[in-house]
Amino acid sequence: HNICDGKKVDEMPPSSFVGDAVVLDLAHRVTKREITEEDLERAGSEVKADDIALLKTKYDERFRPEEMQSQKYQAESPYLTTEATIWLIRHKVKLVGIDFWSIEKYPIGPEGEPKHVLLFRNDIPLLHILTNLGRLSRTRVFFIALPLPIAGVDSMPVRAVAIEQ
């Protein structure tokens, strides 16, 4: 979604959704919503090209599952700055997973979702509202989040699994 001529889920190789992942621990920044390039730089020293980047804020732990689409959940959610989004692209991650509502600041303005577009134009899929990243104790994990290959779909739920080895 967000790019009319963008790749659909079935046009992306399964390898886009499986592989080595680095967990960027951002949970210490509980008092601010904005995730900056500096935040990622501090947390992301282990990021390598072709990694999956999992942004762990533990925001999901503040809400029950049935509240995760509520106004309060969206309005208080962390989000990425444009510079932070570019940082992920520059580091050549192949997928971004977050444990919060969106990489965009809520409410979404008339400009739409420009950070989504930045990722998608660079063939980087985005997984929203992952849960239990806070339970991961390692910085590096093996991650699997395969979508069903339904033709023409631009987003869909996945079953996300992180394996600590």
C-alpha atoms as a PDB file:
ATOM      1  CA  HIS A   1       0.000   0.000   0.000  1.00  0.00           C
ATOM      2  CA  ASN A   2       1.042   3.636  -0.476  1.00  0.00           C
ATOM      3  CA  ILE A   3       2.617   3.081  -3.909  1.00  0.00           C
ATOM      4  CA  CYS A   4       0.265   2.434  -6.835  1.00  0.00           C
ATOM      5  CA  ASP A   5       2.908   0.638  -8.892  1.00  0.00           C
ATOM      6  CA  GLY A   6       4.660  -0.919  -5.888  1.00  0.00           C
ATOM      7  CA  LYS A   7       5.288  -4.603  -5.385  1.00  0.00           C
ATOM      8  CA  LYS A   8       2.471  -6.688  -4.011  1.00  0.00           C
ATOM      9  CA  VAL A   9       3.099  -9.257  -1.295  1.00  0.00           C
ATOM     10  CA  ASP A  10       3.106 -12.184  -3.757  1.00  0.00           C
ATOM     11  CA  GLU A  11       5.742 -10.397  -5.880  1.00  0.00           C
ATOM     12  CA  MET A  12       8.239 -10.332  -3.023  1.00  0.00           C
ATOM     13  CA  PRO A  13      10.477 -13.372  -2.533  1.00  0.00           C
ATOM     14  CA  PRO A  14       9.960 -15.371   0.669  1.00  0.00           C
ATOM     15  CA  SER A  15      13.582 -14.551   1.558  1.00  0.00           C
ATOM     16  CA  SER A  16      12.418 -10.956   2.202  1.00  0.00           C
ATOM     17  CA  PHE A  17      10.580 -12.229   5.278  1.00  0.00           C
ATOM     18  CA  VAL A  18      13.074 -14.752   6.682  1.00  0.00           C
ATOM     19  CA  GLY A  19      16.608 -14.407   7.982  1.00  0.00           C
ATOM     20  CA  ASP A  20      19.036 -13.054  10.503  1.00  0.00           C
ATOM     21  CA  ALA A  21      17.580 -10.239  12.541  1.00  0.00           C
ATOM     22  CA  VAL A  22      19.039  -7.648  14.850  1.00  0.00           C
ATOM     23  CA  VAL A  23      16.966  -6.456  17.801  1.00  0.00           C
ATOM     24  CA  LEU A  24      17.422  -2.718  18.320  1.00  0.00           C
ATOM     25  CA  ASP A  25      16.566  -2.121  21.958  1.00  0.00           C
ATOM     26  CA  LEU A  26      14.810   1.234  22.207  1.00  0.00           C
ATOM     27  CA  ALA A  27      12.818   0.430  25.346  1.00  0.00           C
ATOM     28  CA  HIS A  28      14.812   2.879  27.478  1.00  0.00           C
ATOM     29  CA  ARG A  29      13.277   5.824  25.616  1.00  0.00           C
ATOM     30  CA  VAL A  30       9.853   5.417  27.230  1.00  0.00           C
ATOM     31  CA  THR A  31       9.295   9.130  27.766  1.00  0.00           C
ATOM     32  CA  LYS A  32       9.425  10.188  24.130  1.00  0.00           C
ATOM     33  CA  ARG A  33       7.503   9.035  21.104  1.00  0.00           C
ATOM     34  CA  GLU A  34       9.939  10.123  18.409  1.00  0.00           C
ATOM     35  CA  ILE A  35      12.598   7.574  17.367  1.00  0.00           C
ATOM     36  CA  THR A  36      15.507   9.450  15.840  1.00  0.00           C
ATOM     37  CA  GLU A  37      18.522   8.593  13.749  1.00  0.00           C
ATOM     38  CA  GLU A  38      20.614   9.029  16.917  1.00  0.00           C
ATOM     39  CA  ASP A  39      18.448   6.476  18.754  1.00  0.00           C
ATOM     40  CA  LEU A  40      19.017   3.942  15.975  1.00  0.00           C
ATOM     41  CA  GLU A  41      22.715   4.739  15.797  1.00  0.00           C
ATOM     42  CA  ARG A  42      23.100   4.032  19.538  1.00  0.00           C
ATOM     43  CA  ALA A  43      21.021   0.834  19.450  1.00  0.00           C
ATOM     44  CA  GLY A  44      22.095  -0.401  16.026  1.00  0.00           C
ATOM     45  CA  SER A  45      25.813  -1.026  16.247  1.00  0.00           C
ATOM     46  CA  GLU A  46      25.296  -4.645  15.168  1.00  0.00           C
ATOM     47  CA  VAL A  47      23.166  -3.908  12.092  1.00  0.00           C
ATOM     48  CA  LYS A  48      24.531  -5.534   8.935  1.00  0.00           C
ATOM     49  CA  ALA A  49      23.410  -5.335   5.322  1.00  0.00           C
ATOM     50  CA  ASP A  50      20.553  -7.785   4.609  1.00  0.00           C
ATOM     51  CA  ASP A  51      19.524  -7.949   8.284  1.00  0.00           C
ATOM     52  CA  ILE A  52      15.958  -7.774   9.435  1.00  0.00           C
ATOM     53  CA  ALA A  53      15.694  -4.833  11.859  1.00  0.00           C
ATOM     54  CA  LEU A  54      13.355  -5.411  14.810  1.00  0.00           C
ATOM     55  CA  LEU A  55      12.682  -2.209  16.754  1.00  0.00           C
ATOM     56  CA  LYS A  56      11.937  -3.175  20.365  1.00  0.00           C
ATOM     57  CA  THR A  57      10.240  -0.400  22.341  1.00  0.00           C
ATOM     58  CA  LYS A  58       8.039  -2.635  24.525  1.00  0.00           C
ATOM     59  CA  TYR A  59       5.138  -0.347  23.607  1.00  0.00           C
ATOM     60  CA  ASP A  60       2.962  -3.416  23.024  1.00  0.00           C
ATOM     61  CA  GLU A  61       3.310  -4.336  26.719  1.00  0.00           C
ATOM     62  CA  ARG A  62       1.321  -1.256  27.723  1.00  0.00           C
ATOM     63  CA  PHE A  63      -1.886  -2.474  26.035  1.00  0.00           C
ATOM     64  CA  ARG A  64      -4.096  -5.538  26.003  1.00  0.00           C
ATOM     65  CA  PRO A  65      -4.475  -7.106  22.518  1.00  0.00           C
ATOM     66  CA  GLU A  66      -8.025  -5.786  22.125  1.00  0.00           C
ATOM     67  CA  GLU A  67      -6.752  -2.219  22.705  1.00  0.00           C
ATOM     68  CA  MET A  68      -4.137  -2.335  19.946  1.00  0.00           C
ATOM     69  CA  GLN A  69      -6.305  -0.541  17.412  1.00  0.00           C
ATOM     70  CA  SER A  70      -7.720   1.995  19.852  1.00  0.00           C
ATOM     71  CA  GLN A  71      -7.396   5.755  19.530  1.00  0.00           C
ATOM     72  CA  LYS A  72      -5.208   5.871  22.659  1.00  0.00           C
ATOM     73  CA  TYR A  73      -2.873   3.147  21.311  1.00  0.00           C
ATOM     74  CA  GLN A  74      -2.403   5.001  18.023  1.00  0.00           C
ATOM     75  CA  ALA A  75      -2.151   8.493  19.534  1.00  0.00           C
ATOM     76  CA  GLU A  76       0.591   7.583  22.035  1.00  0.00           C
ATOM     77  CA  SER A  77       2.543   5.276  19.739  1.00  0.00           C
ATOM     78  CA  PRO A  78       6.227   5.804  18.969  1.00  0.00           C
ATOM     79  CA  TYR A  79       7.130   6.727  15.394  1.00  0.00           C
ATOM     80  CA  LEU A  80      10.239   7.178  13.266  1.00  0.00           C
ATOM     81  CA  THR A  81      11.650  10.451  12.037  1.00  0.00           C
ATOM     82  CA  THR A  82      12.428  10.714   8.340  1.00  0.00           C
ATOM     83  CA  GLU A  83      16.151  10.632   9.191  1.00  0.00           C
ATOM     84  CA  ALA A  84      15.681   7.406  11.191  1.00  0.00           C
ATOM     85  CA  THR A  85      13.886   5.834   8.233  1.00  0.00           C
ATOM     86  CA  ILE A  86      16.743   6.861   5.944  1.00  0.00           C
ATOM     87  CA  TRP A  87      19.207   5.376   8.475  1.00  0.00           C
ATOM     88  CA  LEU A  88      17.512   1.979   8.063  1.00  0.00           C
ATOM     89  CA  ILE A  89      17.675   2.290   4.270  1.00  0.00           C
ATOM     90  CA  ARG A  90      21.341   3.353   4.370  1.00  0.00           C
ATOM     91  CA  HIS A  91      22.146   0.310   6.496  1.00  0.00           C
ATOM     92  CA  LYS A  92      20.507  -1.885   3.829  1.00  0.00           C
ATOM     93  CA  VAL A  93      18.129  -3.764   6.096  1.00  0.00           C
ATOM     94  CA  LYS A  94      15.784  -6.047   4.190  1.00  0.00           C
ATOM     95  CA  LEU A  95      12.743  -5.775   6.480  1.00  0.00           C
ATOM     96  CA  VAL A  96      11.680  -3.580   9.391  1.00  0.00           C
ATOM     97  CA  GLY A  97       9.538  -4.945  12.219  1.00  0.00           C
ATOM     98  CA  ILE A  98       8.110  -2.726  14.952  1.00  0.00           C
ATOM     99  CA  ASP A  99       6.211  -3.395  18.186  1.00  0.00           C
ATOM    100  CA  PHE A 100       4.133  -0.235  17.870  1.00  0.00           C
ATOM    101  CA  TRP A 101       1.384   1.142  15.657  1.00  0.00           C
ATOM    102  CA  SER A 102       3.205   2.794  12.759  1.00  0.00           C
ATOM    103  CA  ILE A 103       6.449   4.414  11.701  1.00  0.00           C
ATOM    104  CA  GLU A 104       4.354   7.510  10.909  1.00  0.00           C
ATOM    105  CA  LYS A 105       3.360  10.089  13.522  1.00  0.00           C
ATOM    106  CA  TYR A 106      -0.286   9.898  14.484  1.00  0.00           C
ATOM    107  CA  PRO A 107      -2.548  11.314  13.236  1.00  0.00           C
ATOM    108  CA  ILE A 108      -1.629  10.709   9.622  1.00  0.00           C
ATOM    109  CA  GLY A 109      -1.617  14.081   7.864  1.00  0.00           C
ATOM    110  CA  PRO A 110      -2.517  15.083   4.314  1.00  0.00           C
ATOM    111  CA  GLU A 111       0.973  14.082   3.142  1.00  0.00           C
ATOM    112  CA  GLY A 112      -0.023  10.442   3.668  1.00  0.00           C
ATOM    113  CA  GLU A 113       2.647   8.021   4.826  1.00  0.00           C
ATOM    114  CA  PRO A 114       5.948   9.281   3.409  1.00  0.00           C
ATOM    115  CA  LYS A 115       8.164   7.036   5.569  1.00  0.00           C
ATOM    116  CA  HIS A 116       6.285   3.982   4.330  1.00  0.00           C
ATOM    117  CA  VAL A 117       6.952   5.171   0.789  1.00  0.00           C
ATOM    118  CA  LEU A 118      10.680   5.572   1.540  1.00  0.00           C
ATOM    119  CA  LEU A 119      10.894   1.965   2.748  1.00  0.00           C
ATOM    120  CA  PHE A 120       8.701   0.512   0.021  1.00  0.00           C
ATOM    121  CA  ARG A 121      10.548   2.320  -2.787  1.00  0.00           C
ATOM    122  CA  ASN A 122      13.653   0.544  -1.483  1.00  0.00           C
ATOM    123  CA  ASP A 123      11.879  -2.865  -1.413  1.00  0.00           C
ATOM    124  CA  ILE A 124      11.881  -2.955   2.384  1.00  0.00           C
ATOM    125  CA  PRO A 125       8.687  -4.471   3.799  1.00  0.00           C
ATOM    126  CA  LEU A 126       7.317  -3.242   7.123  1.00  0.00           C
ATOM    127  CA  LEU A 127       5.691  -5.312   9.871  1.00  0.00           C
ATOM    128  CA  HIS A 128       3.527  -3.334  12.306  1.00  0.00           C
ATOM    129  CA  ILE A 129       2.342  -4.181  15.813  1.00  0.00           C
ATOM    130  CA  LEU A 130       4.647  -7.118  16.529  1.00  0.00           C
ATOM    131  CA  THR A 131       4.229  -8.389  20.067  1.00  0.00           C
ATOM    132  CA  ASN A 132       6.609  -9.913  22.601  1.00  0.00           C
ATOM    133  CA  LEU A 133       9.831  -8.396  21.250  1.00  0.00           C
ATOM    134  CA  GLY A 134      10.432  -7.415  24.868  1.00  0.00           C
ATOM    135  CA  ARG A 135      10.765 -11.097  25.730  1.00  0.00           C
ATOM    136  CA  LEU A 136      13.806 -11.448  23.482  1.00  0.00           C
ATOM    137  CA  SER A 137      17.033 -11.469  25.454  1.00  0.00           C
ATOM    138  CA  ARG A 138      19.509 -11.653  22.575  1.00  0.00           C
ATOM    139  CA  THR A 139      20.558  -8.954  20.159  1.00  0.00           C
ATOM    140  CA  ARG A 140      20.590 -11.345  17.198  1.00  0.00           C
ATOM    141  CA  VAL A 141      17.819 -13.821  16.391  1.00  0.00           C
ATOM    142  CA  PHE A 142      16.556 -15.805  13.418  1.00  0.00           C
ATOM    143  CA  PHE A 143      13.249 -14.314  12.261  1.00  0.00           C
ATOM    144  CA  ILE A 144      10.407 -15.734  10.162  1.00  0.00           C
ATOM    145  CA  ALA A 145       7.237 -13.857   9.155  1.00  0.00           C
ATOM    146  CA  LEU A 146       5.857 -15.414   5.991  1.00  0.00           C
ATOM    147  CA  PRO A 147       2.764 -13.870   4.405  1.00  0.00           C
ATOM    148  CA  LEU A 148       0.437 -15.971   2.271  1.00  0.00           C
ATOM    149  CA  PRO A 149       1.225 -15.523  -1.439  1.00  0.00           C
ATOM    150  CA  ILE A 150      -2.206 -14.183  -2.418  1.00  0.00           C
ATOM    151  CA  ALA A 151      -2.026 -12.394  -5.776  1.00  0.00           C
ATOM    152  CA  GLY A 152      -2.478  -8.628  -5.783  1.00  0.00           C
ATOM    153  CA  VAL A 153      -2.534  -8.103  -2.010  1.00  0.00           C
ATOM    154  CA  ASP A 154      -0.533  -5.138  -0.674  1.00  0.00           C
ATOM    155  CA  SER A 155      -0.610  -6.093   3.018  1.00  0.00           C
ATOM    156  CA  MET A 156      -1.616  -9.007   5.205  1.00  0.00           C
ATOM    157  CA  PRO A 157      -1.212 -10.549   8.643  1.00  0.00           C
ATOM    158  CA  VAL A 158       1.765 -12.834   9.269  1.00  0.00           C
ATOM    159  CA  ARG A 159       2.708 -15.278  11.993  1.00  0.00           C
ATOM    160  CA  ALA A 160       5.988 -13.797  13.230  1.00  0.00           C
ATOM    161  CA  VAL A 161       8.509 -16.022  14.989  1.00  0.00           C
ATOM    162  CA  ALA A 162      11.891 -15.031  16.439  1.00  0.00           C
ATOM    163  CA  ILE A 163      14.228 -17.875  17.380  1.00  0.00           C
ATOM    164  CA  GLU A 164      16.986 -17.218  19.870  1.00  0.00           C
ATOM    165  CA  GLN A 165      19.838 -19.596  19.116  1.00  0.00           C
END
